[in-house]
């Protein structure tokens, strides 16, 4: 499994905390695995909750139903890269 970066680890902890994924080790989340369906099994409600948590923590607004959502929420790595790019910009 690929190693998580520090930013991915922080985001994984937020994901587990904000979605109440009890019993899931945030450090055990494969950063390249899909977040939805066959990956972590998240759904659209989870995406909304996670978007709100990211907005509060990082000040980055993620529009639900944006055309890039599928790519942005594709994996922990993709989501982390997007958040970092928005914070830097």
PDB file of N, CA and C in Angstrom:
ATOM      1  N   UNK A   1       0.844  -1.189   0.000  1.00  0.00           N
ATOM      2  CA  UNK A   1       0.000   0.000   0.000  1.00  0.00           C
ATOM      3  C   UNK A   1       0.886   1.247   0.000  1.00  0.00           C
ATOM      4  N   UNK A   2       0.551   2.242  -0.814  1.00  0.00           N
ATOM      5  CA  UNK A   2       1.329   3.488  -0.829  1.00  0.00           C
ATOM      6  C   UNK A   2       1.256   4.201   0.523  1.00  0.00           C
ATOM      7  N   UNK A   3       2.322   4.895   0.860  1.00  0.00           N
ATOM      8  CA  UNK A   3       2.361   5.667   2.107  1.00  0.00           C
ATOM      9  C   UNK A   3       1.501   6.921   1.985  1.00  0.00           C
ATOM     10  N   UNK A   4       0.849   7.301   3.073  1.00  0.00           N
ATOM     11  CA  UNK A   4       0.123   8.566   3.106  1.00  0.00           C
ATOM     12  C   UNK A   4       1.121   9.697   3.364  1.00  0.00           C
ATOM     13  N   UNK A   5       0.886  10.833   2.721  1.00  0.00           N
ATOM     14  CA  UNK A   5       1.659  12.029   3.048  1.00  0.00           C
ATOM     15  C   UNK A   5       1.079  12.605   4.342  1.00  0.00           C
ATOM     16  N   UNK A   6       1.746  13.581   4.920  1.00  0.00           N
ATOM     17  CA  UNK A   6       1.235  14.207   6.140  1.00  0.00           C
ATOM     18  C   UNK A   6      -0.142  14.829   5.892  1.00  0.00           C
ATOM     19  N   UNK A   7      -0.294  15.490   4.743  1.00  0.00           N
ATOM     20  CA  UNK A   7      -1.572  16.126   4.409  1.00  0.00           C
ATOM     21  C   UNK A   7      -2.664  15.067   4.237  1.00  0.00           C
ATOM     22  N   UNK A   8      -2.328  13.942   3.620  1.00  0.00           N
ATOM     23  CA  UNK A   8      -3.314  12.864   3.437  1.00  0.00           C
ATOM     24  C   UNK A   8      -3.692  12.249   4.777  1.00  0.00           C
ATOM     25  N   UNK A   9      -2.724  12.102   5.661  1.00  0.00           N
ATOM     26  CA  UNK A   9      -2.995  11.537   6.983  1.00  0.00           C
ATOM     27  C   UNK A   9      -3.956  12.433   7.758  1.00  0.00           C
ATOM     28  N   UNK A  10      -3.702  13.741   7.709  1.00  0.00           N
ATOM     29  CA  UNK A  10      -4.567  14.707   8.391  1.00  0.00           C
ATOM     30  C   UNK A  10      -5.984  14.647   7.826  1.00  0.00           C
ATOM     31  N   UNK A  11      -6.083  14.562   6.510  1.00  0.00           N
ATOM     32  CA  UNK A  11      -7.389  14.493   5.858  1.00  0.00           C
ATOM     33  C   UNK A  11      -8.089  13.172   6.181  1.00  0.00           C
ATOM     34  N   UNK A  12      -7.338  12.082   6.240  1.00  0.00           N
ATOM     35  CA  UNK A  12      -7.911  10.772   6.593  1.00  0.00           C
ATOM     36  C   UNK A  12      -8.486  10.813   8.005  1.00  0.00           C
ATOM     37  N   UNK A  13      -7.784  11.474   8.913  1.00  0.00           N
ATOM     38  CA  UNK A  13      -8.283  11.601  10.287  1.00  0.00           C
ATOM     39  C   UNK A  13      -9.575  12.412  10.309  1.00  0.00           C
ATOM     40  N   UNK A  14      -9.633  13.487   9.529  1.00  0.00           N
ATOM     41  CA  UNK A  14     -10.854  14.294   9.433  1.00  0.00           C
ATOM     42  C   UNK A  14     -11.993  13.465   8.852  1.00  0.00           C
ATOM     43  N   UNK A  15     -11.700  12.681   7.835  1.00  0.00           N
ATOM     44  CA  UNK A  15     -12.707  11.843   7.182  1.00  0.00           C
ATOM     45  C   UNK A  15     -13.308  10.854   8.187  1.00  0.00           C
ATOM     46  N   UNK A  16     -12.459  10.147   8.908  1.00  0.00           N
ATOM     47  CA  UNK A  16     -12.934   9.149   9.874  1.00  0.00           C
ATOM     48  C   UNK A  16     -13.729   9.823  10.994  1.00  0.00           C
ATOM     49  N   UNK A  17     -13.218  10.970  11.473  1.00  0.00           N
ATOM     50  CA  UNK A  17     -13.869  11.700  12.555  1.00  0.00           C
ATOM     51  C   UNK A  17     -15.210  12.283  12.112  1.00  0.00           C
ATOM     52  N   UNK A  18     -15.239  12.953  10.975  1.00  0.00           N
ATOM     53  CA  UNK A  18     -16.459  13.650  10.544  1.00  0.00           C
ATOM     54  C   UNK A  18     -17.554  12.689  10.105  1.00  0.00           C
ATOM     55  N   UNK A  19     -17.172  11.511   9.621  1.00  0.00           N
ATOM     56  CA  UNK A  19     -18.175  10.545   9.164  1.00  0.00           C
ATOM     57  C   UNK A  19     -18.441   9.460  10.196  1.00  0.00           C
ATOM     58  N   UNK A  20     -17.857   9.603  11.384  1.00  0.00           N
ATOM     59  CA  UNK A  20     -18.048   8.629  12.461  1.00  0.00           C
ATOM     60  C   UNK A  20     -17.787   7.199  12.000  1.00  0.00           C
ATOM     61  N   UNK A  21     -16.681   7.006  11.313  1.00  0.00           N
ATOM     62  CA  UNK A  21     -16.326   5.672  10.821  1.00  0.00           C
ATOM     63  C   UNK A  21     -15.584   4.927  11.927  1.00  0.00           C
ATOM     64  N   UNK A  22     -16.344   4.564  12.963  1.00  0.00           N
ATOM     65  CA  UNK A  22     -15.742   3.905  14.117  1.00  0.00           C
ATOM     66  C   UNK A  22     -15.116   2.585  13.709  1.00  0.00           C
ATOM     67  N   UNK A  23     -13.986   2.320  14.299  1.00  0.00           N
ATOM     68  CA  UNK A  23     -13.298   1.075  14.000  1.00  0.00           C
ATOM     69  C   UNK A  23     -12.398   1.152  12.783  1.00  0.00           C
ATOM     70  N   UNK A  24     -12.426   2.268  12.061  1.00  0.00           N
ATOM     71  CA  UNK A  24     -11.561   2.411  10.886  1.00  0.00           C
ATOM     72  C   UNK A  24     -10.315   3.196  11.287  1.00  0.00           C
ATOM     73  N   UNK A  25      -9.169   2.656  10.960  1.00  0.00           N
ATOM     74  CA  UNK A  25      -7.909   3.326  11.244  1.00  0.00           C
ATOM     75  C   UNK A  25      -7.610   4.297  10.107  1.00  0.00           C
ATOM     76  N   UNK A  26      -7.583   5.617  10.399  1.00  0.00           N
ATOM     77  CA  UNK A  26      -7.328   6.576   9.322  1.00  0.00           C
ATOM     78  C   UNK A  26      -5.984   6.338   8.642  1.00  0.00           C
ATOM     79  N   UNK A  27      -5.012   5.829   9.391  1.00  0.00           N
ATOM     80  CA  UNK A  27      -3.684   5.597   8.820  1.00  0.00           C
ATOM     81  C   UNK A  27      -3.661   4.353   7.945  1.00  0.00           C
ATOM     82  N   UNK A  28      -4.733   3.563   8.020  1.00  0.00           N
ATOM     83  CA  UNK A  28      -4.816   2.356   7.209  1.00  0.00           C
ATOM     84  C   UNK A  28      -5.548   2.562   5.892  1.00  0.00           C
ATOM     85  N   UNK A  29      -5.984   3.786   5.635  1.00  0.00           N
ATOM     86  CA  UNK A  29      -6.701   4.073   4.386  1.00  0.00           C
ATOM     87  C   UNK A  29      -5.682   4.203   3.259  1.00  0.00           C
ATOM     88  N   UNK A  30      -5.847   3.393   2.247  1.00  0.00           N
ATOM     89  CA  UNK A  30      -4.974   3.464   1.069  1.00  0.00           C
ATOM     90  C   UNK A  30      -5.258   4.790   0.366  1.00  0.00           C
ATOM     91  N   UNK A  31      -4.250   5.675   0.217  1.00  0.00           N
ATOM     92  CA  UNK A  31      -4.509   6.990  -0.372  1.00  0.00           C
ATOM     93  C   UNK A  31      -4.947   6.933  -1.828  1.00  0.00           C
ATOM     94  N   UNK A  32      -4.716   5.789  -2.489  1.00  0.00           N
ATOM     95  CA  UNK A  32      -5.093   5.680  -3.895  1.00  0.00           C
ATOM     96  C   UNK A  32      -6.365   4.862  -4.115  1.00  0.00           C
ATOM     97  N   UNK A  33      -6.921   4.317  -3.037  1.00  0.00           N
ATOM     98  CA  UNK A  33      -8.145   3.520  -3.157  1.00  0.00           C
ATOM     99  C   UNK A  33      -9.349   4.445  -3.350  1.00  0.00           C
ATOM    100  N   UNK A  34     -10.354   3.980  -4.088  1.00  0.00           N
ATOM    101  CA  UNK A  34     -11.560   4.796  -4.262  1.00  0.00           C
ATOM    102  C   UNK A  34     -12.237   5.071  -2.919  1.00  0.00           C
ATOM    103  N   UNK A  35     -12.786   6.268  -2.759  1.00  0.00           N
ATOM    104  CA  UNK A  35     -13.522   6.594  -1.538  1.00  0.00           C
ATOM    105  C   UNK A  35     -14.943   6.054  -1.592  1.00  0.00           C
ATOM    106  N   UNK A  36     -15.475   5.900  -2.799  1.00  0.00           N
ATOM    107  CA  UNK A  36     -16.868   5.484  -2.954  1.00  0.00           C
ATOM    108  C   UNK A  36     -16.961   4.070  -3.495  1.00  0.00           C
ATOM    109  N   UNK A  37     -18.148   3.511  -3.426  1.00  0.00           N
ATOM    110  CA  UNK A  37     -18.449   2.186  -3.967  1.00  0.00           C
ATOM    111  C   UNK A  37     -17.508   1.121  -3.435  1.00  0.00           C
ATOM    112  N   UNK A  38     -16.704   0.531  -4.307  1.00  0.00           N
ATOM    113  CA  UNK A  38     -15.892  -0.619  -3.895  1.00  0.00           C
ATOM    114  C   UNK A  38     -14.741  -0.242  -2.957  1.00  0.00           C
ATOM    115  N   UNK A  39     -14.412   1.016  -2.837  1.00  0.00           N
ATOM    116  CA  UNK A  39     -13.333   1.433  -1.944  1.00  0.00           C
ATOM    117  C   UNK A  39     -13.815   1.481  -0.504  1.00  0.00           C
ATOM    118  N   UNK A  40     -13.909   2.685   0.043  1.00  0.00           N
ATOM    119  CA  UNK A  40     -14.387   2.839   1.420  1.00  0.00           C
ATOM    120  C   UNK A  40     -15.895   2.699   1.521  1.00  0.00           C
ATOM    121  N   UNK A  41     -16.574   2.727   0.388  1.00  0.00           N
ATOM    122  CA  UNK A  41     -18.025   2.553   0.398  1.00  0.00           C
ATOM    123  C   UNK A  41     -18.797   3.785   0.823  1.00  0.00           C
ATOM    124  N   UNK A  42     -18.220   4.951   0.651  1.00  0.00           N
ATOM    125  CA  UNK A  42     -18.923   6.178   1.005  1.00  0.00           C
ATOM    126  C   UNK A  42     -20.037   6.451   0.002  1.00  0.00           C
ATOM    127  N   UNK A  43     -21.008   7.274   0.413  1.00  0.00           N
ATOM    128  CA  UNK A  43     -22.105   7.629  -0.491  1.00  0.00           C
ATOM    129  C   UNK A  43     -22.221   9.149  -0.592  1.00  0.00           C
ATOM    130  N   UNK A  44     -23.246   9.609  -1.296  1.00  0.00           N
ATOM    131  CA  UNK A  44     -23.378  11.051  -1.554  1.00  0.00           C
ATOM    132  C   UNK A  44     -23.601  11.850  -0.269  1.00  0.00           C
ATOM    133  N   UNK A  45     -24.277  11.263   0.717  1.00  0.00           N
ATOM    134  CA  UNK A  45     -24.468  11.949   2.001  1.00  0.00           C
ATOM    135  C   UNK A  45     -23.111  12.117   2.688  1.00  0.00           C
ATOM    136  N   UNK A  46     -22.285  11.067   2.622  1.00  0.00           N
ATOM    137  CA  UNK A  46     -20.942  11.148   3.192  1.00  0.00           C
ATOM    138  C   UNK A  46     -20.132  12.249   2.500  1.00  0.00           C
ATOM    139  N   UNK A  47     -20.269  12.355   1.189  1.00  0.00           N
ATOM    140  CA  UNK A  47     -19.545  13.375   0.429  1.00  0.00           C
ATOM    141  C   UNK A  47     -19.944  14.769   0.903  1.00  0.00           C
ATOM    142  N   UNK A  48     -21.234  14.968   1.137  1.00  0.00           N
ATOM    143  CA  UNK A  48     -21.729  16.255   1.613  1.00  0.00           C
ATOM    144  C   UNK A  48     -21.161  16.566   2.996  1.00  0.00           C
ATOM    145  N   UNK A  49     -21.220  15.577   3.908  1.00  0.00           N
ATOM    146  CA  UNK A  49     -20.684  15.760   5.260  1.00  0.00           C
ATOM    147  C   UNK A  49     -19.191  16.075   5.211  1.00  0.00           C
ATOM    148  N   UNK A  50     -18.485  15.343   4.379  1.00  0.00           N
ATOM    149  CA  UNK A  50     -17.044  15.531   4.258  1.00  0.00           C
ATOM    150  C   UNK A  50     -16.733  16.912   3.675  1.00  0.00           C
ATOM    151  N   UNK A  51     -17.520  17.350   2.706  1.00  0.00           N
ATOM    152  CA  UNK A  51     -17.349  18.687   2.117  1.00  0.00           C
ATOM    153  C   UNK A  51     -17.496  19.770   3.186  1.00  0.00           C
ATOM    154  N   UNK A  52     -18.502  19.616   4.043  1.00  0.00           N
ATOM    155  CA  UNK A  52     -18.731  20.587   5.120  1.00  0.00           C
ATOM    156  C   UNK A  52     -17.568  20.594   6.100  1.00  0.00           C
ATOM    157  N   UNK A  53     -17.088  19.393   6.464  1.00  0.00           N
ATOM    158  CA  UNK A  53     -15.966  19.287   7.403  1.00  0.00           C
ATOM    159  C   UNK A  53     -14.702  19.915   6.817  1.00  0.00           C
ATOM    160  N   UNK A  54     -14.467  19.695   5.525  1.00  0.00           N
ATOM    161  CA  UNK A  54     -13.297  20.278   4.851  1.00  0.00           C
ATOM    162  C   UNK A  54     -13.424  21.799   4.815  1.00  0.00           C
ATOM    163  N   UNK A  55     -14.647  22.282   4.560  1.00  0.00           N
ATOM    164  CA  UNK A  55     -14.876  23.723   4.561  1.00  0.00           C
ATOM    165  C   UNK A  55     -14.560  24.353   5.906  1.00  0.00           C
ATOM    166  N   UNK A  56     -14.988  23.690   6.987  1.00  0.00           N
ATOM    167  CA  UNK A  56     -14.730  24.205   8.332  1.00  0.00           C
ATOM    168  C   UNK A  56     -13.250  24.151   8.676  1.00  0.00           C
ATOM    169  N   UNK A  57     -12.625  23.023   8.386  1.00  0.00           N
ATOM    170  CA  UNK A  57     -11.226  22.820   8.794  1.00  0.00           C
ATOM    171  C   UNK A  57     -10.251  23.618   7.938  1.00  0.00           C
ATOM    172  N   UNK A  58     -10.466  23.600   6.622  1.00  0.00           N
ATOM    173  CA  UNK A  58      -9.468  24.175   5.710  1.00  0.00           C
ATOM    174  C   UNK A  58      -9.914  25.458   5.020  1.00  0.00           C
ATOM    175  N   UNK A  59     -11.201  25.798   5.140  1.00  0.00           N
ATOM    176  CA  UNK A  59     -11.696  26.985   4.450  1.00  0.00           C
ATOM    177  C   UNK A  59     -11.782  26.789   2.948  1.00  0.00           C
ATOM    178  N   UNK A  60     -11.868  25.528   2.520  1.00  0.00           N
ATOM    179  CA  UNK A  60     -11.948  25.202   1.095  1.00  0.00           C
ATOM    180  C   UNK A  60     -13.376  24.761   0.800  1.00  0.00           C
ATOM    181  N   UNK A  61     -14.025  25.453  -0.110  1.00  0.00           N
ATOM    182  CA  UNK A  61     -15.399  25.117  -0.463  1.00  0.00           C
ATOM    183  C   UNK A  61     -15.421  24.089  -1.587  1.00  0.00           C
ATOM    184  N   UNK A  62     -16.107  22.986  -1.351  1.00  0.00           N
ATOM    185  CA  UNK A  62     -16.302  21.971  -2.387  1.00  0.00           C
ATOM    186  C   UNK A  62     -17.771  22.011  -2.767  1.00  0.00           C
ATOM    187  N   UNK A  63     -18.040  22.299  -4.001  1.00  0.00           N
ATOM    188  CA  UNK A  63     -19.428  22.348  -4.471  1.00  0.00           C
ATOM    189  C   UNK A  63     -19.924  20.932  -4.695  1.00  0.00           C
ATOM    190  N   UNK A  64     -21.023  20.616  -4.054  1.00  0.00           N
ATOM    191  CA  UNK A  64     -21.578  19.295  -4.333  1.00  0.00           C
ATOM    192  C   UNK A  64     -22.171  19.336  -5.734  1.00  0.00           C
ATOM    193  N   UNK A  65     -22.066  18.257  -6.416  1.00  0.00           N
ATOM    194  CA  UNK A  65     -22.552  18.129  -7.783  1.00  0.00           C
ATOM    195  C   UNK A  65     -21.744  18.943  -8.794  1.00  0.00           C
ATOM    196  N   UNK A  66     -20.539  19.368  -8.438  1.00  0.00           N
ATOM    197  CA  UNK A  66     -19.663  20.017  -9.411  1.00  0.00           C
ATOM    198  C   UNK A  66     -19.158  18.974 -10.395  1.00  0.00           C
ATOM    199  N   UNK A  67     -18.830  19.404 -11.590  1.00  0.00           N
ATOM    200  CA  UNK A  67     -18.439  18.420 -12.610  1.00  0.00           C
ATOM    201  C   UNK A  67     -17.115  17.735 -12.281  1.00  0.00           C
ATOM    202  N   UNK A  68     -16.297  18.367 -11.443  1.00  0.00           N
ATOM    203  CA  UNK A  68     -15.023  17.761 -11.075  1.00  0.00           C
ATOM    204  C   UNK A  68     -15.117  16.868  -9.841  1.00  0.00           C
ATOM    205  N   UNK A  69     -16.300  16.783  -9.236  1.00  0.00           N
ATOM    206  CA  UNK A  69     -16.445  16.021  -7.989  1.00  0.00           C
ATOM    207  C   UNK A  69     -15.978  14.580  -8.111  1.00  0.00           C
ATOM    208  N   UNK A  70     -16.297  13.948  -9.216  1.00  0.00           N
ATOM    209  CA  UNK A  70     -15.934  12.542  -9.388  1.00  0.00           C
ATOM    210  C   UNK A  70     -14.413  12.371  -9.311  1.00  0.00           C
ATOM    211  N   UNK A  71     -13.695  13.312  -9.916  1.00  0.00           N
ATOM    212  CA  UNK A  71     -12.228  13.266  -9.871  1.00  0.00           C
ATOM    213  C   UNK A  71     -11.713  13.666  -8.490  1.00  0.00           C
ATOM    214  N   UNK A  72     -12.235  14.761  -7.948  1.00  0.00           N
ATOM    215  CA  UNK A  72     -11.768  15.279  -6.654  1.00  0.00           C
ATOM    216  C   UNK A  72     -11.980  14.252  -5.551  1.00  0.00           C
ATOM    217  N   UNK A  73     -13.154  13.622  -5.541  1.00  0.00           N
ATOM    218  CA  UNK A  73     -13.470  12.636  -4.505  1.00  0.00           C
ATOM    219  C   UNK A  73     -13.073  11.227  -4.916  1.00  0.00           C
ATOM    220  N   UNK A  74     -12.243  11.114  -5.949  1.00  0.00           N
ATOM    221  CA  UNK A  74     -11.852   9.800  -6.447  1.00  0.00           C
ATOM    222  C   UNK A  74     -11.082   8.975  -5.444  1.00  0.00           C
ATOM    223  N   UNK A  75     -10.217   9.627  -4.664  1.00  0.00           N
ATOM    224  CA  UNK A  75      -9.402   8.922  -3.679  1.00  0.00           C
ATOM    225  C   UNK A  75      -8.949   9.938  -2.636  1.00  0.00           C
ATOM    226  N   UNK A  76      -8.420   9.433  -1.555  1.00  0.00           N
ATOM    227  CA  UNK A  76      -7.867  10.305  -0.525  1.00  0.00           C
ATOM    228  C   UNK A  76      -6.762  11.183  -1.116  1.00  0.00           C
ATOM    229  N   UNK A  77      -5.947  10.599  -1.978  1.00  0.00           N
ATOM    230  CA  UNK A  77      -4.832  11.333  -2.593  1.00  0.00           C
ATOM    231  C   UNK A  77      -5.357  12.476  -3.469  1.00  0.00           C
ATOM    232  N   UNK A  78      -6.370  12.197  -4.289  1.00  0.00           N
ATOM    233  CA  UNK A  78      -6.940  13.229  -5.169  1.00  0.00           C
ATOM    234  C   UNK A  78      -7.596  14.336  -4.348  1.00  0.00           C
ATOM    235  N   UNK A  79      -8.321  13.953  -3.305  1.00  0.00           N
ATOM    236  CA  UNK A  79      -9.003  14.935  -2.464  1.00  0.00           C
ATOM    237  C   UNK A  79      -7.983  15.800  -1.734  1.00  0.00           C
ATOM    238  N   UNK A  80      -6.949  15.187  -1.201  1.00  0.00           N
ATOM    239  CA  UNK A  80      -5.904  15.924  -0.500  1.00  0.00           C
ATOM    240  C   UNK A  80      -5.191  16.895  -1.443  1.00  0.00           C
ATOM    241  N   UNK A  81      -4.876  16.443  -2.648  1.00  0.00           N
ATOM    242  CA  UNK A  81      -4.200  17.300  -3.631  1.00  0.00           C
ATOM    243  C   UNK A  81      -5.070  18.509  -3.953  1.00  0.00           C
ATOM    244  N   UNK A  82      -6.371  18.286  -4.110  1.00  0.00           N
ATOM    245  CA  UNK A  82      -7.291  19.394  -4.413  1.00  0.00           C
ATOM    246  C   UNK A  82      -7.341  20.388  -3.257  1.00  0.00           C
ATOM    247  N   UNK A  83      -7.489  19.875  -2.035  1.00  0.00           N
ATOM    248  CA  UNK A  83      -7.550  20.752  -0.857  1.00  0.00           C
ATOM    249  C   UNK A  83      -6.266  21.571  -0.744  1.00  0.00           C
ATOM    250  N   UNK A  84      -5.121  20.922  -0.915  1.00  0.00           N
ATOM    251  CA  UNK A  84      -3.847  21.632  -0.822  1.00  0.00           C
ATOM    252  C   UNK A  84      -3.720  22.709  -1.902  1.00  0.00           C
ATOM    253  N   UNK A  85      -4.161  22.395  -3.109  1.00  0.00           N
ATOM    254  CA  UNK A  85      -4.062  23.373  -4.202  1.00  0.00           C
ATOM    255  C   UNK A  85      -4.971  24.570  -3.947  1.00  0.00           C
ATOM    256  N   UNK A  86      -6.123  24.335  -3.356  1.00  0.00           N
ATOM    257  CA  UNK A  86      -7.060  25.433  -3.066  1.00  0.00           C
ATOM    258  C   UNK A  86      -6.561  26.287  -1.907  1.00  0.00           C
ATOM    259  N   UNK A  87      -5.929  25.660  -0.941  1.00  0.00           N
ATOM    260  CA  UNK A  87      -5.384  26.397   0.203  1.00  0.00           C
ATOM    261  C   UNK A  87      -4.223  27.283  -0.232  1.00  0.00           C
ATOM    262  N   UNK A  88      -3.403  26.759  -1.131  1.00  0.00           N
ATOM    263  CA  UNK A  88      -2.225  27.508  -1.589  1.00  0.00           C
ATOM    264  C   UNK A  88      -2.642  28.675  -2.482  1.00  0.00           C
ATOM    265  N   UNK A  89      -3.772  28.484  -3.197  1.00  0.00           N
ATOM    266  CA  UNK A  89      -4.213  29.504  -4.144  1.00  0.00           C
ATOM    267  C   UNK A  89      -4.944  30.546  -3.460  1.00  0.00           C
TER     268      UNK A  89
END
